[in-house]
């Protein structure tokens, strides 16, 4: 990273099969919402 900057190979990560483009974000119990993260399945609850 120091020598070349952040990698950008032009590749787009393939979404998880369960991540549907039209899926609305999940709602957390505090009323906030978030999109799926990491594995495309489970939005991490806000602190």
ModelCIF file with pLDDT and N, C-alpha, C, O atoms, coordinates in Angstrom:
data_MODEL
#
_entry.id   MODEL 
#
_entity.id                         1 
_entity.type                       polymer 
_entity.pdbx_number_of_molecules   1 
#
_entity_poly.entity_id                      1 
_entity_poly.type                           'polypeptide(L)' 
_entity_poly.nstd_linkage                   no 
_entity_poly.nstd_monomer                   no 
_entity_poly.pdbx_seq_one_letter_code       
;(UNK)(UNK)(UNK)(UNK)(UNK)(UNK)(UNK)(UNK)(UNK)(UNK)(UNK)(UNK)(UNK)(UNK)(UNK)(UNK)
(UNK)(UNK)(UNK)(UNK)(UNK)(UNK)(UNK)(UNK)(UNK)(UNK)(UNK)(UNK)(UNK)(UNK)(UNK)(UNK)
(UNK)(UNK)(UNK)(UNK)(UNK)(UNK)(UNK)(UNK)(UNK)(UNK)(UNK)(UNK)(UNK)(UNK)(UNK)
;
_entity_poly.pdbx_seq_one_letter_code_can   XXXXXXXXXXXXXXXXXXXXXXXXXXXXXXXXXXXXXXXXXXXXXXX 
_entity_poly.pdbx_strand_id                 A 
#
loop_
_entity_poly_seq.entity_id 
_entity_poly_seq.num 
_entity_poly_seq.mon_id 
_entity_poly_seq.hetero 
1 1  UNK n 
1 2  UNK n 
1 3  UNK n 
1 4  UNK n 
1 5  UNK n 
1 6  UNK n 
1 7  UNK n 
1 8  UNK n 
1 9  UNK n 
1 10 UNK n 
1 11 UNK n 
1 12 UNK n 
1 13 UNK n 
1 14 UNK n 
1 15 UNK n 
1 16 UNK n 
1 17 UNK n 
1 18 UNK n 
1 19 UNK n 
1 20 UNK n 
1 21 UNK n 
1 22 UNK n 
1 23 UNK n 
1 24 UNK n 
1 25 UNK n 
1 26 UNK n 
1 27 UNK n 
1 28 UNK n 
1 29 UNK n 
1 30 UNK n 
1 31 UNK n 
1 32 UNK n 
1 33 UNK n 
1 34 UNK n 
1 35 UNK n 
1 36 UNK n 
1 37 UNK n 
1 38 UNK n 
1 39 UNK n 
1 40 UNK n 
1 41 UNK n 
1 42 UNK n 
1 43 UNK n 
1 44 UNK n 
1 45 UNK n 
1 46 UNK n 
1 47 UNK n 
#
_struct_asym.id          A 
_struct_asym.entity_id   1 
#
loop_
_ma_qa_metric.id 
_ma_qa_metric.mode 
_ma_qa_metric.name 
_ma_qa_metric.software_group_id 
_ma_qa_metric.type 
1 global pLDDT . pLDDT 
2 local  pLDDT . pLDDT 
#
_ma_qa_metric_global.metric_id      1 
_ma_qa_metric_global.metric_value   39.51 
_ma_qa_metric_global.model_id       1 
_ma_qa_metric_global.ordinal_id     1 
#
loop_
_ma_qa_metric_local.label_asym_id 
_ma_qa_metric_local.label_comp_id 
_ma_qa_metric_local.label_seq_id 
_ma_qa_metric_local.metric_id 
_ma_qa_metric_local.metric_value 
_ma_qa_metric_local.model_id 
_ma_qa_metric_local.ordinal_id 
A UNK 1  2 41.00 1 1  
A UNK 2  2 47.00 1 2  
A UNK 3  2 49.00 1 3  
A UNK 4  2 45.00 1 4  
A UNK 5  2 49.00 1 5  
A UNK 6  2 42.00 1 6  
A UNK 7  2 38.00 1 7  
A UNK 8  2 35.00 1 8  
A UNK 9  2 32.00 1 9  
A UNK 10 2 30.00 1 10 
A UNK 11 2 27.00 1 11 
A UNK 12 2 27.00 1 12 
A UNK 13 2 29.00 1 13 
A UNK 14 2 28.00 1 14 
A UNK 15 2 32.00 1 15 
A UNK 16 2 36.00 1 16 
A UNK 17 2 33.00 1 17 
A UNK 18 2 37.00 1 18 
A UNK 19 2 36.00 1 19 
A UNK 20 2 36.00 1 20 
A UNK 21 2 33.00 1 21 
A UNK 22 2 36.00 1 22 
A UNK 23 2 41.00 1 23 
A UNK 24 2 46.00 1 24 
A UNK 25 2 50.00 1 25 
A UNK 26 2 61.00 1 26 
A UNK 27 2 59.00 1 27 
A UNK 28 2 57.00 1 28 
A UNK 29 2 54.00 1 29 
A UNK 30 2 52.00 1 30 
A UNK 31 2 50.00 1 31 
A UNK 32 2 49.00 1 32 
A UNK 33 2 44.00 1 33 
A UNK 34 2 42.00 1 34 
A UNK 35 2 36.00 1 35 
A UNK 36 2 36.00 1 36 
A UNK 37 2 32.00 1 37 
A UNK 38 2 31.00 1 38 
A UNK 39 2 32.00 1 39 
A UNK 40 2 31.00 1 40 
A UNK 41 2 36.00 1 41 
A UNK 42 2 36.00 1 42 
A UNK 43 2 40.00 1 43 
A UNK 44 2 34.00 1 44 
A UNK 45 2 39.00 1 45 
A UNK 46 2 38.00 1 46 
A UNK 47 2 33.00 1 47 
#
loop_
_atom_site.group_PDB 
_atom_site.id 
_atom_site.type_symbol 
_atom_site.label_atom_id 
_atom_site.label_alt_id 
_atom_site.label_comp_id 
_atom_site.label_asym_id 
_atom_site.label_entity_id 
_atom_site.label_seq_id 
_atom_site.pdbx_PDB_ins_code 
_atom_site.Cartn_x 
_atom_site.Cartn_y 
_atom_site.Cartn_z 
_atom_site.occupancy 
_atom_site.B_iso_or_equiv 
_atom_site.pdbx_formal_charge 
_atom_site.auth_seq_id 
_atom_site.auth_comp_id 
_atom_site.auth_asym_id 
_atom_site.auth_atom_id 
_atom_site.pdbx_PDB_model_num 
ATOM 1   N N  . UNK A 1 1  ? 0.829   -1.196  0.000   1.00 41.00 ? 1  UNK A N  1 
ATOM 2   C CA . UNK A 1 1  ? 0.000   0.000   0.000   1.00 41.00 ? 1  UNK A CA 1 
ATOM 3   C C  . UNK A 1 1  ? 0.869   1.254   0.000   1.00 41.00 ? 1  UNK A C  1 
ATOM 4   O O  . UNK A 1 1  ? 0.576   2.232   -0.688  1.00 41.00 ? 1  UNK A O  1 
ATOM 5   N N  . UNK A 1 2  ? 1.944   1.204   0.787   1.00 47.00 ? 2  UNK A N  1 
ATOM 6   C CA . UNK A 1 2  ? 2.828   2.373   0.859   1.00 47.00 ? 2  UNK A CA 1 
ATOM 7   C C  . UNK A 1 2  ? 3.488   2.653   -0.478  1.00 47.00 ? 2  UNK A C  1 
ATOM 8   O O  . UNK A 1 2  ? 3.667   3.812   -0.853  1.00 47.00 ? 2  UNK A O  1 
ATOM 9   N N  . UNK A 1 3  ? 3.857   1.583   -1.210  1.00 49.00 ? 3  UNK A N  1 
ATOM 10  C CA . UNK A 1 3  ? 4.590   1.762   -2.464  1.00 49.00 ? 3  UNK A CA 1 
ATOM 11  C C  . UNK A 1 3  ? 3.670   2.079   -3.638  1.00 49.00 ? 3  UNK A C  1 
ATOM 12  O O  . UNK A 1 3  ? 4.020   2.866   -4.517  1.00 49.00 ? 3  UNK A O  1 
ATOM 13  N N  . UNK A 1 4  ? 2.484   1.456   -3.647  1.00 45.00 ? 4  UNK A N  1 
ATOM 14  C CA . UNK A 1 4  ? 1.641   1.556   -4.850  1.00 45.00 ? 4  UNK A CA 1 
ATOM 15  C C  . UNK A 1 4  ? 0.269   2.153   -4.608  1.00 45.00 ? 4  UNK A C  1 
ATOM 16  O O  . UNK A 1 4  ? -0.486  2.370   -5.556  1.00 45.00 ? 4  UNK A O  1 
ATOM 17  N N  . UNK A 1 5  ? -0.065  2.423   -3.356  1.00 49.00 ? 5  UNK A N  1 
ATOM 18  C CA . UNK A 1 5  ? -1.407  2.902   -3.070  1.00 49.00 ? 5  UNK A CA 1 
ATOM 19  C C  . UNK A 1 5  ? -2.372  1.727   -3.004  1.00 49.00 ? 5  UNK A C  1 
ATOM 20  O O  . UNK A 1 5  ? -1.981  0.588   -3.261  1.00 49.00 ? 5  UNK A O  1 
ATOM 21  N N  . UNK A 1 6  ? -3.616  1.989   -2.667  1.00 42.00 ? 6  UNK A N  1 
ATOM 22  C CA . UNK A 1 6  ? -4.605  0.930   -2.542  1.00 42.00 ? 6  UNK A CA 1 
ATOM 23  C C  . UNK A 1 6  ? -4.760  0.170   -3.853  1.00 42.00 ? 6  UNK A C  1 
ATOM 24  O O  . UNK A 1 6  ? -4.763  0.761   -4.933  1.00 42.00 ? 6  UNK A O  1 
ATOM 25  N N  . UNK A 1 7  ? -4.887  -1.132  -3.742  1.00 38.00 ? 7  UNK A N  1 
ATOM 26  C CA . UNK A 1 7  ? -5.039  -1.961  -4.935  1.00 38.00 ? 7  UNK A CA 1 
ATOM 27  C C  . UNK A 1 7  ? -6.347  -1.659  -5.634  1.00 38.00 ? 7  UNK A C  1 
ATOM 28  O O  . UNK A 1 7  ? -7.378  -1.462  -4.992  1.00 38.00 ? 7  UNK A O  1 
ATOM 29  N N  . UNK A 1 8  ? -6.297  -1.625  -6.976  1.00 35.00 ? 8  UNK A N  1 
ATOM 30  C CA . UNK A 1 8  ? -7.529  -1.469  -7.759  1.00 35.00 ? 8  UNK A CA 1 
ATOM 31  C C  . UNK A 1 8  ? -7.341  -2.256  -9.036  1.00 35.00 ? 8  UNK A C  1 
ATOM 32  O O  . UNK A 1 8  ? -6.876  -1.731  -10.048 1.00 35.00 ? 8  UNK A O  1 
ATOM 33  N N  . UNK A 1 9  ? -7.709  -3.522  -8.975  1.00 32.00 ? 9  UNK A N  1 
ATOM 34  C CA . UNK A 1 9  ? -7.487  -4.379  -10.135 1.00 32.00 ? 9  UNK A CA 1 
ATOM 35  C C  . UNK A 1 9  ? -8.678  -4.389  -11.080 1.00 32.00 ? 9  UNK A C  1 
ATOM 36  O O  . UNK A 1 9  ? -8.693  -5.125  -12.067 1.00 32.00 ? 9  UNK A O  1 
ATOM 37  N N  . UNK A 1 10 ? -9.679  -3.565  -10.772 1.00 30.00 ? 10 UNK A N  1 
ATOM 38  C CA . UNK A 1 10 ? -10.819 -3.481  -11.666 1.00 30.00 ? 10 UNK A CA 1 
ATOM 39  C C  . UNK A 1 10 ? -11.812 -4.595  -11.499 1.00 30.00 ? 10 UNK A C  1 
ATOM 40  O O  . UNK A 1 10 ? -12.812 -4.652  -12.215 1.00 30.00 ? 10 UNK A O  1 
ATOM 41  N N  . UNK A 1 11 ? -11.552 -5.488  -10.560 1.00 27.00 ? 11 UNK A N  1 
ATOM 42  C CA . UNK A 1 11 ? -12.472 -6.600  -10.362 1.00 27.00 ? 11 UNK A CA 1 
ATOM 43  C C  . UNK A 1 11 ? -13.535 -6.223  -9.345  1.00 27.00 ? 11 UNK A C  1 
ATOM 44  O O  . UNK A 1 11 ? -13.254 -5.552  -8.351  1.00 27.00 ? 11 UNK A O  1 
ATOM 45  N N  . UNK A 1 12 ? -14.743 -6.658  -9.604  1.00 27.00 ? 12 UNK A N  1 
ATOM 46  C CA . UNK A 1 12 ? -15.843 -6.412  -8.682  1.00 27.00 ? 12 UNK A CA 1 
ATOM 47  C C  . UNK A 1 12 ? -16.143 -7.709  -7.960  1.00 27.00 ? 12 UNK A C  1 
ATOM 48  O O  . UNK A 1 12 ? -16.409 -8.717  -8.614  1.00 27.00 ? 12 UNK A O  1 
ATOM 49  N N  . UNK A 1 13 ? -16.110 -7.724  -6.618  1.00 29.00 ? 13 UNK A N  1 
ATOM 50  C CA . UNK A 1 13 ? -16.409 -8.961  -5.896  1.00 29.00 ? 13 UNK A CA 1 
ATOM 51  C C  . UNK A 1 13 ? -17.789 -9.489  -6.276  1.00 29.00 ? 13 UNK A C  1 
ATOM 52  O O  . UNK A 1 13 ? -18.754 -8.733  -6.382  1.00 29.00 ? 13 UNK A O  1 
ATOM 53  N N  . UNK A 1 14 ? -17.860 -10.801 -6.478  1.00 28.00 ? 14 UNK A N  1 
ATOM 54  C CA . UNK A 1 14 ? -19.147 -11.417 -6.805  1.00 28.00 ? 14 UNK A CA 1 
ATOM 55  C C  . UNK A 1 14 ? -20.022 -11.425 -5.565  1.00 28.00 ? 14 UNK A C  1 
ATOM 56  O O  . UNK A 1 14 ? -19.575 -11.869 -4.508  1.00 28.00 ? 14 UNK A O  1 
ATOM 57  N N  . UNK A 1 15 ? -21.256 -10.947 -5.661  1.00 32.00 ? 15 UNK A N  1 
ATOM 58  C CA . UNK A 1 15 ? -22.109 -10.918 -4.475  1.00 32.00 ? 15 UNK A CA 1 
ATOM 59  C C  . UNK A 1 15 ? -22.480 -12.314 -4.026  1.00 32.00 ? 15 UNK A C  1 
ATOM 60  O O  . UNK A 1 15 ? -22.499 -13.261 -4.812  1.00 32.00 ? 15 UNK A O  1 
ATOM 61  N N  . UNK A 1 16 ? -22.777 -12.415 -2.734  1.00 36.00 ? 16 UNK A N  1 
ATOM 62  C CA . UNK A 1 16 ? -23.270 -13.680 -2.200  1.00 36.00 ? 16 UNK A CA 1 
ATOM 63  C C  . UNK A 1 16 ? -24.566 -14.046 -2.890  1.00 36.00 ? 16 UNK A C  1 
ATOM 64  O O  . UNK A 1 16 ? -25.334 -13.151 -3.243  1.00 36.00 ? 16 UNK A O  1 
ATOM 65  N N  . UNK A 1 17 ? -24.850 -15.362 -3.103  1.00 33.00 ? 17 UNK A N  1 
ATOM 66  C CA . UNK A 1 17 ? -26.100 -15.755 -3.741  1.00 33.00 ? 17 UNK A CA 1 
ATOM 67  C C  . UNK A 1 17 ? -27.316 -15.224 -3.019  1.00 33.00 ? 17 UNK A C  1 
ATOM 68  O O  . UNK A 1 17 ? -28.356 -14.998 -3.638  1.00 33.00 ? 17 UNK A O  1 
ATOM 69  N N  . UNK A 1 18 ? -27.201 -15.022 -1.712  1.00 37.00 ? 18 UNK A N  1 
ATOM 70  C CA . UNK A 1 18 ? -28.365 -14.578 -0.956  1.00 37.00 ? 18 UNK A CA 1 
ATOM 71  C C  . UNK A 1 18 ? -28.531 -13.064 -0.964  1.00 37.00 ? 18 UNK A C  1 
ATOM 72  O O  . UNK A 1 18 ? -29.526 -12.546 -0.456  1.00 37.00 ? 18 UNK A O  1 
ATOM 73  N N  . UNK A 1 19 ? -27.565 -12.354 -1.537  1.00 36.00 ? 19 UNK A N  1 
ATOM 74  C CA . UNK A 1 19 ? -27.661 -10.901 -1.587  1.00 36.00 ? 19 UNK A CA 1 
ATOM 75  C C  . UNK A 1 19 ? -28.381 -10.500 -2.861  1.00 36.00 ? 19 UNK A C  1 
ATOM 76  O O  . UNK A 1 19 ? -27.822 -10.594 -3.953  1.00 36.00 ? 19 UNK A O  1 
ATOM 77  N N  . UNK A 1 20 ? -29.598 -10.061 -2.724  1.00 36.00 ? 20 UNK A N  1 
ATOM 78  C CA . UNK A 1 20 ? -30.395 -9.681  -3.892  1.00 36.00 ? 20 UNK A CA 1 
ATOM 79  C C  . UNK A 1 20 ? -30.314 -8.183  -4.072  1.00 36.00 ? 20 UNK A C  1 
ATOM 80  O O  . UNK A 1 20 ? -30.463 -7.436  -3.105  1.00 36.00 ? 20 UNK A O  1 
ATOM 81  N N  . UNK A 1 21 ? -30.080 -7.726  -5.296  1.00 33.00 ? 21 UNK A N  1 
ATOM 82  C CA . UNK A 1 21 ? -29.917 -6.287  -5.517  1.00 33.00 ? 21 UNK A CA 1 
ATOM 83  C C  . UNK A 1 21 ? -31.077 -5.467  -4.994  1.00 33.00 ? 21 UNK A C  1 
ATOM 84  O O  . UNK A 1 21 ? -30.890 -4.326  -4.571  1.00 33.00 ? 21 UNK A O  1 
ATOM 85  N N  . UNK A 1 22 ? -32.283 -6.035  -5.017  1.00 36.00 ? 22 UNK A N  1 
ATOM 86  C CA . UNK A 1 22 ? -33.430 -5.258  -4.596  1.00 36.00 ? 22 UNK A CA 1 
ATOM 87  C C  . UNK A 1 22 ? -33.756 -5.429  -3.122  1.00 36.00 ? 22 UNK A C  1 
ATOM 88  O O  . UNK A 1 22 ? -34.755 -4.893  -2.644  1.00 36.00 ? 22 UNK A O  1 
ATOM 89  N N  . UNK A 1 23 ? -32.925 -6.172  -2.396  1.00 41.00 ? 23 UNK A N  1 
ATOM 90  C CA . UNK A 1 23 ? -33.209 -6.410  -0.987  1.00 41.00 ? 23 UNK A CA 1 
ATOM 91  C C  . UNK A 1 23 ? -33.103 -5.114  -0.205  1.00 41.00 ? 23 UNK A C  1 
ATOM 92  O O  . UNK A 1 23 ? -32.099 -4.408  -0.300  1.00 41.00 ? 23 UNK A O  1 
ATOM 93  N N  . UNK A 1 24 ? -34.137 -4.797  0.570   1.00 46.00 ? 24 UNK A N  1 
ATOM 94  C CA . UNK A 1 24 ? -34.052 -3.599  1.402   1.00 46.00 ? 24 UNK A CA 1 
ATOM 95  C C  . UNK A 1 24 ? -33.122 -3.838  2.565   1.00 46.00 ? 24 UNK A C  1 
ATOM 96  O O  . UNK A 1 24 ? -32.848 -4.986  2.915   1.00 46.00 ? 24 UNK A O  1 
ATOM 97  N N  . UNK A 1 25 ? -32.630 -2.774  3.169   1.00 50.00 ? 25 UNK A N  1 
ATOM 98  C CA . UNK A 1 25 ? -31.763 -2.973  4.330   1.00 50.00 ? 25 UNK A CA 1 
ATOM 99  C C  . UNK A 1 25 ? -32.524 -3.569  5.489   1.00 50.00 ? 25 UNK A C  1 
ATOM 100 O O  . UNK A 1 25 ? -33.746 -3.446  5.580   1.00 50.00 ? 25 UNK A O  1 
ATOM 101 N N  . UNK A 1 26 ? -31.786 -4.221  6.381   1.00 61.00 ? 26 UNK A N  1 
ATOM 102 C CA . UNK A 1 26 ? -32.395 -4.741  7.593   1.00 61.00 ? 26 UNK A CA 1 
ATOM 103 C C  . UNK A 1 26 ? -32.608 -3.607  8.577   1.00 61.00 ? 26 UNK A C  1 
ATOM 104 O O  . UNK A 1 26 ? -31.941 -2.574  8.525   1.00 61.00 ? 26 UNK A O  1 
ATOM 105 N N  . UNK A 1 27 ? -33.552 -3.828  9.470   1.00 59.00 ? 27 UNK A N  1 
ATOM 106 C CA . UNK A 1 27 ? -33.836 -2.843  10.502  1.00 59.00 ? 27 UNK A CA 1 
ATOM 107 C C  . UNK A 1 27 ? -33.292 -3.365  11.822  1.00 59.00 ? 27 UNK A C  1 
ATOM 108 O O  . UNK A 1 27 ? -33.524 -4.519  12.183  1.00 59.00 ? 27 UNK A O  1 
ATOM 109 N N  . UNK A 1 28 ? -32.570 -2.518  12.537  1.00 57.00 ? 28 UNK A N  1 
ATOM 110 C CA . UNK A 1 28 ? -32.076 -2.899  13.854  1.00 57.00 ? 28 UNK A CA 1 
ATOM 111 C C  . UNK A 1 28 ? -33.114 -2.532  14.893  1.00 57.00 ? 28 UNK A C  1 
ATOM 112 O O  . UNK A 1 28 ? -34.013 -1.727  14.646  1.00 57.00 ? 28 UNK A O  1 
ATOM 113 N N  . UNK A 1 29 ? -32.973 -3.135  16.050  1.00 54.00 ? 29 UNK A N  1 
ATOM 114 C CA . UNK A 1 29 ? -33.975 -2.942  17.083  1.00 54.00 ? 29 UNK A CA 1 
ATOM 115 C C  . UNK A 1 29 ? -33.992 -1.525  17.633  1.00 54.00 ? 29 UNK A C  1 
ATOM 116 O O  . UNK A 1 29 ? -34.920 -1.161  18.356  1.00 54.00 ? 29 UNK A O  1 
ATOM 117 N N  . UNK A 1 30 ? -32.975 -0.706  17.305  1.00 52.00 ? 30 UNK A N  1 
ATOM 118 C CA . UNK A 1 30 ? -32.987 0.679   17.759  1.00 52.00 ? 30 UNK A CA 1 
ATOM 119 C C  . UNK A 1 30 ? -33.606 1.607   16.723  1.00 52.00 ? 30 UNK A C  1 
ATOM 120 O O  . UNK A 1 30 ? -33.621 2.827   16.884  1.00 52.00 ? 30 UNK A O  1 
ATOM 121 N N  . UNK A 1 31 ? -34.120 0.994   15.647  1.00 50.00 ? 31 UNK A N  1 
ATOM 122 C CA . UNK A 1 31 ? -34.759 1.784   14.609  1.00 50.00 ? 31 UNK A CA 1 
ATOM 123 C C  . UNK A 1 31 ? -33.848 2.165   13.471  1.00 50.00 ? 31 UNK A C  1 
ATOM 124 O O  . UNK A 1 31 ? -34.321 2.648   12.442  1.00 50.00 ? 31 UNK A O  1 
ATOM 125 N N  . UNK A 1 32 ? -32.537 1.960   13.625  1.00 49.00 ? 32 UNK A N  1 
ATOM 126 C CA . UNK A 1 32 ? -31.607 2.266   12.548  1.00 49.00 ? 32 UNK A CA 1 
ATOM 127 C C  . UNK A 1 32 ? -31.658 1.166   11.506  1.00 49.00 ? 32 UNK A C  1 
ATOM 128 O O  . UNK A 1 32 ? -32.236 0.103   11.735  1.00 49.00 ? 32 UNK A O  1 
ATOM 129 N N  . UNK A 1 33 ? -31.057 1.427   10.373  1.00 44.00 ? 33 UNK A N  1 
ATOM 130 C CA . UNK A 1 33 ? -31.041 0.401   9.335   1.00 44.00 ? 33 UNK A CA 1 
ATOM 131 C C  . UNK A 1 33 ? -29.642 0.321   8.761   1.00 44.00 ? 33 UNK A C  1 
ATOM 132 O O  . UNK A 1 33 ? -28.832 1.235   8.915   1.00 44.00 ? 33 UNK A O  1 
ATOM 133 N N  . UNK A 1 34 ? -29.374 -0.799  8.093   1.00 42.00 ? 34 UNK A N  1 
ATOM 134 C CA . UNK A 1 34 ? -28.061 -0.966  7.474   1.00 42.00 ? 34 UNK A CA 1 
ATOM 135 C C  . UNK A 1 34 ? -28.169 -1.966  6.363   1.00 42.00 ? 34 UNK A C  1 
ATOM 136 O O  . UNK A 1 34 ? -29.047 -2.829  6.369   1.00 42.00 ? 34 UNK A O  1 
ATOM 137 N N  . UNK A 1 35 ? -27.276 -1.849  5.407   1.00 36.00 ? 35 UNK A N  1 
ATOM 138 C CA . UNK A 1 35 ? -27.233 -2.821  4.331   1.00 36.00 ? 35 UNK A CA 1 
ATOM 139 C C  . UNK A 1 35 ? -26.410 -4.011  4.776   1.00 36.00 ? 35 UNK A C  1 
ATOM 140 O O  . UNK A 1 35 ? -25.671 -3.942  5.757   1.00 36.00 ? 35 UNK A O  1 
ATOM 141 N N  . UNK A 1 36 ? -26.549 -5.111  4.035   1.00 36.00 ? 36 UNK A N  1 
ATOM 142 C CA . UNK A 1 36 ? -25.784 -6.308  4.382   1.00 36.00 ? 36 UNK A CA 1 
ATOM 143 C C  . UNK A 1 36 ? -24.302 -6.039  4.235   1.00 36.00 ? 36 UNK A C  1 
ATOM 144 O O  . UNK A 1 36 ? -23.869 -5.316  3.337   1.00 36.00 ? 36 UNK A O  1 
ATOM 145 N N  . UNK A 1 37 ? -23.531 -6.633  5.133   1.00 32.00 ? 37 UNK A N  1 
ATOM 146 C CA . UNK A 1 37 ? -22.094 -6.439  5.107   1.00 32.00 ? 37 UNK A CA 1 
ATOM 147 C C  . UNK A 1 37 ? -21.385 -7.739  4.847   1.00 32.00 ? 37 UNK A C  1 
ATOM 148 O O  . UNK A 1 37 ? -21.995 -8.807  4.881   1.00 32.00 ? 37 UNK A O  1 
ATOM 149 N N  . UNK A 1 38 ? -20.091 -7.654  4.586   1.00 31.00 ? 38 UNK A N  1 
ATOM 150 C CA . UNK A 1 38 ? -19.207 -8.826  4.559   1.00 31.00 ? 38 UNK A CA 1 
ATOM 151 C C  . UNK A 1 38 ? -19.752 -9.996  3.806   1.00 31.00 ? 38 UNK A C  1 
ATOM 152 O O  . UNK A 1 38 ? -19.518 -10.130 2.605   1.00 31.00 ? 38 UNK A O  1 
ATOM 153 N N  . UNK A 1 39 ? -20.493 -10.867 4.503   1.00 32.00 ? 39 UNK A N  1 
ATOM 154 C CA . UNK A 1 39 ? -20.948 -12.093 3.881   1.00 32.00 ? 39 UNK A CA 1 
ATOM 155 C C  . UNK A 1 39 ? -22.221 -11.889 3.092   1.00 32.00 ? 39 UNK A C  1 
ATOM 156 O O  . UNK A 1 39 ? -22.740 -12.841 2.509   1.00 32.00 ? 39 UNK A O  1 
ATOM 157 N N  . UNK A 1 40 ? -22.734 -10.686 3.059   1.00 31.00 ? 40 UNK A N  1 
ATOM 158 C CA . UNK A 1 40 ? -23.937 -10.434 2.286   1.00 31.00 ? 40 UNK A CA 1 
ATOM 159 C C  . UNK A 1 40 ? -25.187 -10.934 2.951   1.00 31.00 ? 40 UNK A C  1 
ATOM 160 O O  . UNK A 1 40 ? -26.256 -10.910 2.341   1.00 31.00 ? 40 UNK A O  1 
ATOM 161 N N  . UNK A 1 41 ? -25.091 -11.391 4.195   1.00 36.00 ? 41 UNK A N  1 
ATOM 162 C CA . UNK A 1 41 ? -26.237 -12.027 4.816   1.00 36.00 ? 41 UNK A CA 1 
ATOM 163 C C  . UNK A 1 41 ? -26.719 -11.285 6.046   1.00 36.00 ? 41 UNK A C  1 
ATOM 164 O O  . UNK A 1 41 ? -27.921 -11.076 6.212   1.00 36.00 ? 41 UNK A O  1 
ATOM 165 N N  . UNK A 1 42 ? -25.808 -10.888 6.901   1.00 36.00 ? 42 UNK A N  1 
ATOM 166 C CA . UNK A 1 42 ? -26.199 -10.398 8.209   1.00 36.00 ? 42 UNK A CA 1 
ATOM 167 C C  . UNK A 1 42 ? -25.669 -9.002  8.460   1.00 36.00 ? 42 UNK A C  1 
ATOM 168 O O  . UNK A 1 42 ? -24.473 -8.838  8.701   1.00 36.00 ? 42 UNK A O  1 
ATOM 169 N N  . UNK A 1 43 ? -26.511 -8.002  8.412   1.00 40.00 ? 43 UNK A N  1 
ATOM 170 C CA . UNK A 1 43 ? -26.044 -6.676  8.790   1.00 40.00 ? 43 UNK A CA 1 
ATOM 171 C C  . UNK A 1 43 ? -25.577 -6.679  10.234  1.00 40.00 ? 43 UNK A C  1 
ATOM 172 O O  . UNK A 1 43 ? -26.277 -7.168  11.121  1.00 40.00 ? 43 UNK A O  1 
ATOM 173 N N  . UNK A 1 44 ? -24.410 -6.138  10.462  1.00 34.00 ? 44 UNK A N  1 
ATOM 174 C CA . UNK A 1 44 ? -23.899 -6.102  11.832  1.00 34.00 ? 44 UNK A CA 1 
ATOM 175 C C  . UNK A 1 44 ? -24.680 -5.067  12.631  1.00 34.00 ? 44 UNK A C  1 
ATOM 176 O O  . UNK A 1 44 ? -24.768 -3.914  12.209  1.00 34.00 ? 44 UNK A O  1 
ATOM 177 N N  . UNK A 1 45 ? -25.244 -5.445  13.765  1.00 39.00 ? 45 UNK A N  1 
ATOM 178 C CA . UNK A 1 45 ? -25.996 -4.472  14.563  1.00 39.00 ? 45 UNK A CA 1 
ATOM 179 C C  . UNK A 1 45 ? -25.123 -3.289  14.959  1.00 39.00 ? 45 UNK A C  1 
ATOM 180 O O  . UNK A 1 45 ? -23.940 -3.440  15.266  1.00 39.00 ? 45 UNK A O  1 
ATOM 181 N N  . UNK A 1 46 ? -25.732 -2.114  14.946  1.00 38.00 ? 46 UNK A N  1 
ATOM 182 C CA . UNK A 1 46 ? -24.986 -0.920  15.355  1.00 38.00 ? 46 UNK A CA 1 
ATOM 183 C C  . UNK A 1 46 ? -24.663 -1.009  16.835  1.00 38.00 ? 46 UNK A C  1 
ATOM 184 O O  . UNK A 1 46 ? -25.359 -1.705  17.574  1.00 38.00 ? 46 UNK A O  1 
ATOM 185 N N  . UNK A 1 47 ? -23.606 -0.310  17.289  1.00 33.00 ? 47 UNK A N  1 
ATOM 186 C CA . UNK A 1 47 ? -23.228 -0.393  18.702  1.00 33.00 ? 47 UNK A CA 1 
ATOM 187 C C  . UNK A 1 47 ? -24.374 -0.058  19.631  1.00 33.00 ? 47 UNK A C  1 
ATOM 188 O O  . UNK A 1 47 ? -24.207 -0.085  20.851  1.00 33.00 ? 47 UNK A O  1 
#
